[in-house]
C-alpha atoms as a PDB file:
ATOM      1  CA  MET A   1      77.051 114.817 122.187  1.00  0.00           C
ATOM      2  CA  LYS A   2      77.039 111.977 119.668  1.00  0.00           C
ATOM      3  CA  ARG A   3      78.356 114.304 117.003  1.00  0.00           C
ATOM      4  CA  THR A   4      81.400 115.385 119.046  1.00  0.00           C
ATOM      5  CA  TYR A   5      82.097 111.766 120.010  1.00  0.00           C
ATOM      6  CA  LEU A   6      81.966 110.707 116.348  1.00  0.00           C
ATOM      7  CA  LEU A   7      84.211 113.625 115.376  1.00  0.00           C
ATOM      8  CA  PHE A   8      86.687 112.710 118.130  1.00  0.00           C
ATOM      9  CA  ILE A   9      86.822 109.044 117.014  1.00  0.00           C
ATOM     10  CA  SER A  10      87.259 110.101 113.367  1.00  0.00           C
ATOM     11  CA  LEU A  11      90.132 112.459 114.209  1.00  0.00           C
ATOM     12  CA  LEU A  12      91.775 109.851 116.409  1.00  0.00           C
ATOM     13  CA  THR A  13      91.560 107.291 113.596  1.00  0.00           C
ATOM     14  CA  ILE A  14      93.094 109.702 111.104  1.00  0.00           C
ATOM     15  CA  VAL A  15      95.924 110.592 113.504  1.00  0.00           C
ATOM     16  CA  LEU A  16      96.705 106.908 114.115  1.00  0.00           C
ATOM     17  CA  ILE A  17      96.702 106.124 110.381  1.00  0.00           C
ATOM     18  CA  VAL A  18      99.011 109.040 109.605  1.00  0.00           C
ATOM     19  CA  ALA A  19     101.316 108.119 112.489  1.00  0.00           C
ATOM     20  CA  GLY A  20     101.478 104.500 111.293  1.00  0.00           C
ATOM     21  CA  CYS A  21     102.238 105.460 107.704  1.00  0.00           C
ATOM     22  CA  SER A  22     104.922 108.007 108.518  1.00  0.00           C
ATOM     23  CA  GLY A  23     107.429 105.636 110.119  1.00  0.00           C
ATOM     24  CA  ASN A  24     111.145 106.300 109.716  1.00  0.00           C
ATOM     25  CA  ALA A  25     112.742 104.890 106.581  1.00  0.00           C
ATOM     26  CA  SER A  26     115.281 102.146 107.020  1.00  0.00           C
ATOM     27  CA  LYS A  27     118.654 103.649 107.917  1.00  0.00           C
ATOM     28  CA  ASN A  28     120.974 101.010 106.456  1.00  0.00           C
ATOM     29  CA  THR A  29     124.600 101.905 106.147  1.00  0.00           C
ATOM     30  CA  SER A  30     126.451 101.117 102.951  1.00  0.00           C
ATOM     31  CA  SER A  31     128.140  98.115 104.577  1.00  0.00           C
ATOM     32  CA  GLU A  32     124.753  96.566 105.347  1.00  0.00           C
ATOM     33  CA  LYS A  33     123.581  96.931 101.746  1.00  0.00           C
ATOM     34  CA  GLU A  34     126.613  95.183 100.301  1.00  0.00           C
ATOM     35  CA  GLY A  35     127.017  91.435 100.496  1.00  0.00           C
ATOM     36  CA  LYS A  36     129.747  89.858 102.526  1.00  0.00           C
ATOM     37  CA  GLU A  37     131.983  86.936 101.699  1.00  0.00           C
ATOM     38  CA  GLY A  38     132.256  83.811 103.788  1.00  0.00           C
ATOM     39  CA  GLY A  39     129.879  82.503 106.385  1.00  0.00           C
ATOM     40  CA  THR A  40     127.265  79.774 106.196  1.00  0.00           C
ATOM     41  CA  LEU A  41     124.354  79.459 103.779  1.00  0.00           C
ATOM     42  CA  ASN A  42     121.394  77.503 105.123  1.00  0.00           C
ATOM     43  CA  VAL A  43     118.995  76.143 102.499  1.00  0.00           C
ATOM     44  CA  ALA A  44     115.674  74.464 103.236  1.00  0.00           C
ATOM     45  CA  SER A  45     114.521  71.518 101.140  1.00  0.00           C
ATOM     46  CA  GLN A  46     111.343  69.479 101.168  1.00  0.00           C
ATOM     47  CA  SER A  47     113.287  66.240 101.482  1.00  0.00           C
ATOM     48  CA  GLU A  48     116.852  65.010 101.638  1.00  0.00           C
ATOM     49  CA  PRO A  49     118.309  63.904  98.292  1.00  0.00           C
ATOM     50  CA  ALA A  50     118.987  60.174  98.101  1.00  0.00           C
ATOM     51  CA  THR A  51     122.178  60.673  96.075  1.00  0.00           C
ATOM     52  CA  LEU A  52     124.317  63.480  94.697  1.00  0.00           C
ATOM     53  CA  ASP A  53     124.682  61.782  91.299  1.00  0.00           C
ATOM     54  CA  ALA A  54     122.105  63.548  89.151  1.00  0.00           C
ATOM     55  CA  GLN A  55     122.840  61.239  86.198  1.00  0.00           C
ATOM     56  CA  ILE A  56     121.294  58.166  87.836  1.00  0.00           C
ATOM     57  CA  THR A  57     118.056  59.702  89.064  1.00  0.00           C
ATOM     58  CA  GLY A  58     115.313  61.997  87.853  1.00  0.00           C
ATOM     59  CA  ASP A  59     114.448  63.191  91.349  1.00  0.00           C
ATOM     60  CA  SER A  60     114.009  66.968  91.437  1.00  0.00           C
ATOM     61  CA  ASP A  61     115.482  67.198  94.954  1.00  0.00           C
ATOM     62  CA  VAL A  62     118.723  65.674  93.667  1.00  0.00           C
ATOM     63  CA  LYS A  63     118.818  67.988  90.661  1.00  0.00           C
ATOM     64  CA  ASP A  64     118.184  71.054  92.857  1.00  0.00           C
ATOM     65  CA  ALA A  65     120.961  70.063  95.271  1.00  0.00           C
ATOM     66  CA  THR A  66     123.530  69.209  92.609  1.00  0.00           C
ATOM     67  CA  ARG A  67     122.809  72.360  90.576  1.00  0.00           C
ATOM     68  CA  SER A  68     124.497  74.302  93.374  1.00  0.00           C
ATOM     69  CA  ILE A  69     127.471  71.929  93.537  1.00  0.00           C
ATOM     70  CA  TYR A  70     128.390  71.093  89.945  1.00  0.00           C
ATOM     71  CA  GLU A  71     128.915  73.642  87.195  1.00  0.00           C
ATOM     72  CA  GLY A  72     128.658  72.809  83.519  1.00  0.00           C
ATOM     73  CA  LEU A  73     130.572  74.023  80.498  1.00  0.00           C
ATOM     74  CA  MET A  74     127.392  75.580  79.124  1.00  0.00           C
ATOM     75  CA  ILE A  75     124.231  77.045  80.686  1.00  0.00           C
ATOM     76  CA  LEU A  76     120.970  78.377  79.312  1.00  0.00           C
ATOM     77  CA  ASP A  77     120.195  82.081  79.498  1.00  0.00           C
ATOM     78  CA  ASP A  78     116.770  83.551  80.344  1.00  0.00           C
ATOM     79  CA  LYS A  79     115.528  82.939  76.799  1.00  0.00           C
ATOM     80  CA  GLY A  80     116.718  79.318  76.672  1.00  0.00           C
ATOM     81  CA  ASN A  81     119.756  79.967  74.473  1.00  0.00           C
ATOM     82  CA  PRO A  82     123.003  78.163  75.364  1.00  0.00           C
ATOM     83  CA  LYS A  83     125.927  80.288  76.508  1.00  0.00           C
ATOM     84  CA  PRO A  84     129.350  79.443  77.992  1.00  0.00           C
ATOM     85  CA  ASP A  85     129.549  78.999  81.766  1.00  0.00           C
ATOM     86  CA  LEU A  86     132.882  77.435  82.721  1.00  0.00           C
ATOM     87  CA  ALA A  87     133.980  77.482  79.085  1.00  0.00           C
ATOM     88  CA  SER A  88     135.363  80.808  77.959  1.00  0.00           C
ATOM     89  CA  LYS A  89     133.995  80.294  74.434  1.00  0.00           C
ATOM     90  CA  VAL A  90     132.623  77.536  72.211  1.00  0.00           C
ATOM     91  CA  ASP A  91     133.689  76.999  68.613  1.00  0.00           C
ATOM     92  CA  ILE A  92     131.192  75.148  66.395  1.00  0.00           C
ATOM     93  CA  SER A  93     132.435  73.414  63.267  1.00  0.00           C
ATOM     94  CA  ASP A  94     131.082  74.340  59.838  1.00  0.00           C
ATOM     95  CA  ASP A  95     129.077  71.111  59.638  1.00  0.00           C
ATOM     96  CA  LYS A  96     127.723  71.829  63.136  1.00  0.00           C
ATOM     97  CA  LYS A  97     128.573  68.300  64.301  1.00  0.00           C
ATOM     98  CA  HIS A  98     131.613  69.037  66.445  1.00  0.00           C
ATOM     99  CA  THR A  99     132.302  71.596  69.113  1.00  0.00           C
ATOM    100  CA  ARG A 100     135.423  72.514  70.966  1.00  0.00           C
ATOM    101  CA  SER A 101     135.342  74.298  74.341  1.00  0.00           C
ATOM    102  CA  ASN A 102     138.194  76.514  75.458  1.00  0.00           C
END
């Protein structure tokens, strides 16, 4: 009796595990996978920035907020090398003292 009960519980457990693991895959349409333009972006922050002038403060909340607002002529890539952002290209003089952004 105990053996059949243990066998029944084992089979039931296996059936429930298999049923839980074999759920239907997500059936997203192509329009759901692609991003859409417009709308509202809500961003959570730990605190409200005191100012939006990142030059007068070293507060990280201000820098995080203004990074999304202001774009620079140059940015750093993943390896820390400068590359043009708003500038289309940067010409460096031969003496490497002057640059001109286009």
